[in-house]
Amino acid sequence: MSAPGKRARNRVYWLAHETNHTAMQLYDKVGEKSGFVVYRKMF
């Protein structure tokens, strides 16, 4: 067991626009969807 704060950081995250179906098909093969949806408001 690792000491607190010393855990391995072995993740990669991807972002893709909802219209980028080619990228999403690739990401579906090599990763898993997190279930999160991102919202933003520009000021």
PDB file of N, CA and C in Angstrom:
ATOM      1  N   MET A   1       0.836  -1.180   0.000  1.00  0.00           N
ATOM      2  CA  MET A   1       0.000   0.000   0.000  1.00  0.00           C
ATOM      3  C   MET A   1       0.881   1.243   0.000  1.00  0.00           C
ATOM      4  N   SER A   2       0.523   2.218  -0.814  1.00  0.00           N
ATOM      5  CA  SER A   2       1.299   3.447  -0.919  1.00  0.00           C
ATOM      6  C   SER A   2       0.974   4.404   0.217  1.00  0.00           C
ATOM      7  N   ALA A   3       1.931   5.228   0.534  1.00  0.00           N
ATOM      8  CA  ALA A   3       1.713   6.266   1.537  1.00  0.00           C
ATOM      9  C   ALA A   3       0.764   7.310   0.973  1.00  0.00           C
ATOM     10  N   PRO A   4      -0.017   7.986   1.830  1.00  0.00           N
ATOM     11  CA  PRO A   4      -0.928   9.022   1.337  1.00  0.00           C
ATOM     12  C   PRO A   4      -0.183  10.075   0.514  1.00  0.00           C
ATOM     13  N   GLY A   5      -0.763  10.461  -0.600  1.00  0.00           N
ATOM     14  CA  GLY A   5      -0.144  11.450  -1.466  1.00  0.00           C
ATOM     15  C   GLY A   5       0.945  10.887  -2.364  1.00  0.00           C
ATOM     16  N   LYS A   6       1.230   9.611  -2.242  1.00  0.00           N
ATOM     17  CA  LYS A   6       2.298   8.989  -3.033  1.00  0.00           C
ATOM     18  C   LYS A   6       1.756   7.938  -3.998  1.00  0.00           C
ATOM     19  N   ARG A   7       0.439   7.975  -4.250  1.00  0.00           N
ATOM     20  CA  ARG A   7      -0.148   6.992  -5.159  1.00  0.00           C
ATOM     21  C   ARG A   7       0.316   7.215  -6.588  1.00  0.00           C
ATOM     22  N   ALA A   8       0.368   6.138  -7.330  1.00  0.00           N
ATOM     23  CA  ALA A   8       0.769   6.224  -8.739  1.00  0.00           C
ATOM     24  C   ALA A   8      -0.256   7.030  -9.524  1.00  0.00           C
ATOM     25  N   ARG A   9       0.204   7.819 -10.431  1.00  0.00           N
ATOM     26  CA  ARG A   9      -0.657   8.628 -11.295  1.00  0.00           C
ATOM     27  C   ARG A   9      -0.588   8.007 -12.692  1.00  0.00           C
ATOM     28  N   ASN A  10      -1.437   7.047 -12.917  1.00  0.00           N
ATOM     29  CA  ASN A  10      -1.348   6.310 -14.176  1.00  0.00           C
ATOM     30  C   ASN A  10      -2.653   6.375 -14.962  1.00  0.00           C
ATOM     31  N   ARG A  11      -3.133   7.589 -15.191  1.00  0.00           N
ATOM     32  CA  ARG A  11      -4.348   7.795 -15.976  1.00  0.00           C
ATOM     33  C   ARG A  11      -4.080   8.806 -17.074  1.00  0.00           C
ATOM     34  N   VAL A  12      -4.856   8.664 -18.121  1.00  0.00           N
ATOM     35  CA  VAL A  12      -4.842   9.631 -19.211  1.00  0.00           C
ATOM     36  C   VAL A  12      -6.287  10.014 -19.468  1.00  0.00           C
ATOM     37  N   TYR A  13      -6.516  11.297 -19.733  1.00  0.00           N
ATOM     38  CA  TYR A  13      -7.853  11.790 -20.047  1.00  0.00           C
ATOM     39  C   TYR A  13      -7.856  12.371 -21.451  1.00  0.00           C
ATOM     40  N   TRP A  14      -8.979  12.210 -22.153  1.00  0.00           N
ATOM     41  CA  TRP A  14      -9.139  12.788 -23.477  1.00  0.00           C
ATOM     42  C   TRP A  14     -10.366  13.675 -23.489  1.00  0.00           C
ATOM     43  N   LEU A  15     -10.322  14.688 -24.307  1.00  0.00           N
ATOM     44  CA  LEU A  15     -11.486  15.510 -24.592  1.00  0.00           C
ATOM     45  C   LEU A  15     -11.742  15.449 -26.084  1.00  0.00           C
ATOM     46  N   ALA A  16     -12.983  15.383 -26.448  1.00  0.00           N
ATOM     47  CA  ALA A  16     -13.338  15.401 -27.867  1.00  0.00           C
ATOM     48  C   ALA A  16     -14.630  16.184 -28.018  1.00  0.00           C
ATOM     49  N   HIS A  17     -14.731  16.911 -29.100  1.00  0.00           N
ATOM     50  CA  HIS A  17     -15.987  17.603 -29.391  1.00  0.00           C
ATOM     51  C   HIS A  17     -17.041  16.553 -29.730  1.00  0.00           C
ATOM     52  N   GLU A  18     -18.292  16.841 -29.376  1.00  0.00           N
ATOM     53  CA  GLU A  18     -19.358  15.860 -29.593  1.00  0.00           C
ATOM     54  C   GLU A  18     -19.560  15.502 -31.056  1.00  0.00           C
ATOM     55  N   THR A  19     -19.055  16.317 -31.974  1.00  0.00           N
ATOM     56  CA  THR A  19     -19.181  16.009 -33.400  1.00  0.00           C
ATOM     57  C   THR A  19     -17.974  15.258 -33.949  1.00  0.00           C
ATOM     58  N   ASN A  20     -16.960  15.040 -33.114  1.00  0.00           N
ATOM     59  CA  ASN A  20     -15.742  14.359 -33.574  1.00  0.00           C
ATOM     60  C   ASN A  20     -15.908  12.848 -33.376  1.00  0.00           C
ATOM     61  N   HIS A  21     -16.690  12.263 -34.236  1.00  0.00           N
ATOM     62  CA  HIS A  21     -17.023  10.846 -34.104  1.00  0.00           C
ATOM     63  C   HIS A  21     -15.820   9.926 -34.295  1.00  0.00           C
ATOM     64  N   THR A  22     -14.890  10.321 -35.140  1.00  0.00           N
ATOM     65  CA  THR A  22     -13.687   9.510 -35.358  1.00  0.00           C
ATOM     66  C   THR A  22     -12.897   9.371 -34.071  1.00  0.00           C
ATOM     67  N   ALA A  23     -12.660  10.490 -33.399  1.00  0.00           N
ATOM     68  CA  ALA A  23     -11.917  10.457 -32.126  1.00  0.00           C
ATOM     69  C   ALA A  23     -12.685   9.656 -31.079  1.00  0.00           C
ATOM     70  N   MET A  24     -13.988   9.867 -31.000  1.00  0.00           N
ATOM     71  CA  MET A  24     -14.786   9.174 -29.989  1.00  0.00           C
ATOM     72  C   MET A  24     -14.786   7.661 -30.206  1.00  0.00           C
ATOM     73  N   GLN A  25     -14.775   7.222 -31.450  1.00  0.00           N
ATOM     74  CA  GLN A  25     -14.707   5.792 -31.734  1.00  0.00           C
ATOM     75  C   GLN A  25     -13.388   5.217 -31.246  1.00  0.00           C
ATOM     76  N   LEU A  26     -12.305   5.951 -31.454  1.00  0.00           N
ATOM     77  CA  LEU A  26     -11.004   5.504 -30.962  1.00  0.00           C
ATOM     78  C   LEU A  26     -11.000   5.457 -29.436  1.00  0.00           C
ATOM     79  N   TYR A  27     -11.454   6.521 -28.801  1.00  0.00           N
ATOM     80  CA  TYR A  27     -11.445   6.580 -27.337  1.00  0.00           C
ATOM     81  C   TYR A  27     -12.322   5.484 -26.736  1.00  0.00           C
ATOM     82  N   ASP A  28     -13.427   5.158 -27.387  1.00  0.00           N
ATOM     83  CA  ASP A  28     -14.289   4.065 -26.913  1.00  0.00           C
ATOM     84  C   ASP A  28     -13.555   2.729 -26.927  1.00  0.00           C
ATOM     85  N   LYS A  29     -12.595   2.565 -27.831  1.00  0.00           N
ATOM     86  CA  LYS A  29     -11.839   1.318 -27.927  1.00  0.00           C
ATOM     87  C   LYS A  29     -10.751   1.226 -26.863  1.00  0.00           C
ATOM     88  N   VAL A  30     -10.144   2.356 -26.501  1.00  0.00           N
ATOM     89  CA  VAL A  30      -8.984   2.301 -25.609  1.00  0.00           C
ATOM     90  C   VAL A  30      -9.270   2.793 -24.194  1.00  0.00           C
ATOM     91  N   GLY A  31     -10.448   3.358 -23.974  1.00  0.00           N
ATOM     92  CA  GLY A  31     -10.777   3.877 -22.646  1.00  0.00           C
ATOM     93  C   GLY A  31     -12.220   3.604 -22.294  1.00  0.00           C
ATOM     94  N   GLU A  32     -12.668   4.248 -21.252  1.00  0.00           N
ATOM     95  CA  GLU A  32     -14.069   4.117 -20.856  1.00  0.00           C
ATOM     96  C   GLU A  32     -14.619   5.493 -20.541  1.00  0.00           C
ATOM     97  N   LYS A  33     -15.894   5.689 -20.829  1.00  0.00           N
ATOM     98  CA  LYS A  33     -16.535   6.966 -20.554  1.00  0.00           C
ATOM     99  C   LYS A  33     -16.676   7.150 -19.053  1.00  0.00           C
ATOM    100  N   SER A  34     -16.428   8.357 -18.597  1.00  0.00           N
ATOM    101  CA  SER A  34     -16.478   8.629 -17.159  1.00  0.00           C
ATOM    102  C   SER A  34     -17.893   8.892 -16.668  1.00  0.00           C
ATOM    103  N   GLY A  35     -18.782   9.235 -17.578  1.00  0.00           N
ATOM    104  CA  GLY A  35     -20.138   9.565 -17.173  1.00  0.00           C
ATOM    105  C   GLY A  35     -20.331  11.044 -16.878  1.00  0.00           C
ATOM    106  N   PHE A  36     -19.253  11.826 -16.931  1.00  0.00           N
ATOM    107  CA  PHE A  36     -19.353  13.250 -16.666  1.00  0.00           C
ATOM    108  C   PHE A  36     -19.656  14.008 -17.950  1.00  0.00           C
ATOM    109  N   VAL A  37     -20.435  15.066 -17.823  1.00  0.00           N
ATOM    110  CA  VAL A  37     -20.723  15.982 -18.909  1.00  0.00           C
ATOM    111  C   VAL A  37     -20.239  17.351 -18.449  1.00  0.00           C
ATOM    112  N   VAL A  38     -19.556  18.069 -19.306  1.00  0.00           N
ATOM    113  CA  VAL A  38     -18.987  19.365 -18.944  1.00  0.00           C
ATOM    114  C   VAL A  38     -19.874  20.478 -19.488  1.00  0.00           C
ATOM    115  N   TYR A  39     -20.168  21.438 -18.621  1.00  0.00           N
ATOM    116  CA  TYR A  39     -20.905  22.640 -19.000  1.00  0.00           C
ATOM    117  C   TYR A  39     -20.045  23.849 -18.715  1.00  0.00           C
ATOM    118  N   ARG A  40     -20.212  24.897 -19.497  1.00  0.00           N
ATOM    119  CA  ARG A  40     -19.472  26.117 -19.221  1.00  0.00           C
ATOM    120  C   ARG A  40     -20.310  27.317 -19.629  1.00  0.00           C
ATOM    121  N   LYS A  41     -19.995  28.440 -19.049  1.00  0.00           N
ATOM    122  CA  LYS A  41     -20.619  29.704 -19.404  1.00  0.00           C
ATOM    123  C   LYS A  41     -19.520  30.727 -19.601  1.00  0.00           C
ATOM    124  N   MET A  42     -19.493  31.336 -20.759  1.00  0.00           N
ATOM    125  CA  MET A  42     -18.499  32.336 -21.070  1.00  0.00           C
ATOM    126  C   MET A  42     -18.959  33.687 -20.545  1.00  0.00           C
ATOM    127  N   PHE A  43     -18.049  34.461 -19.989  1.00  0.00           N
ATOM    128  CA  PHE A  43     -18.344  35.803 -19.479  1.00  0.00           C
ATOM    129  C   PHE A  43     -17.573  36.827 -20.265  1.00  0.00           C
TER     130      PHE A  43
END
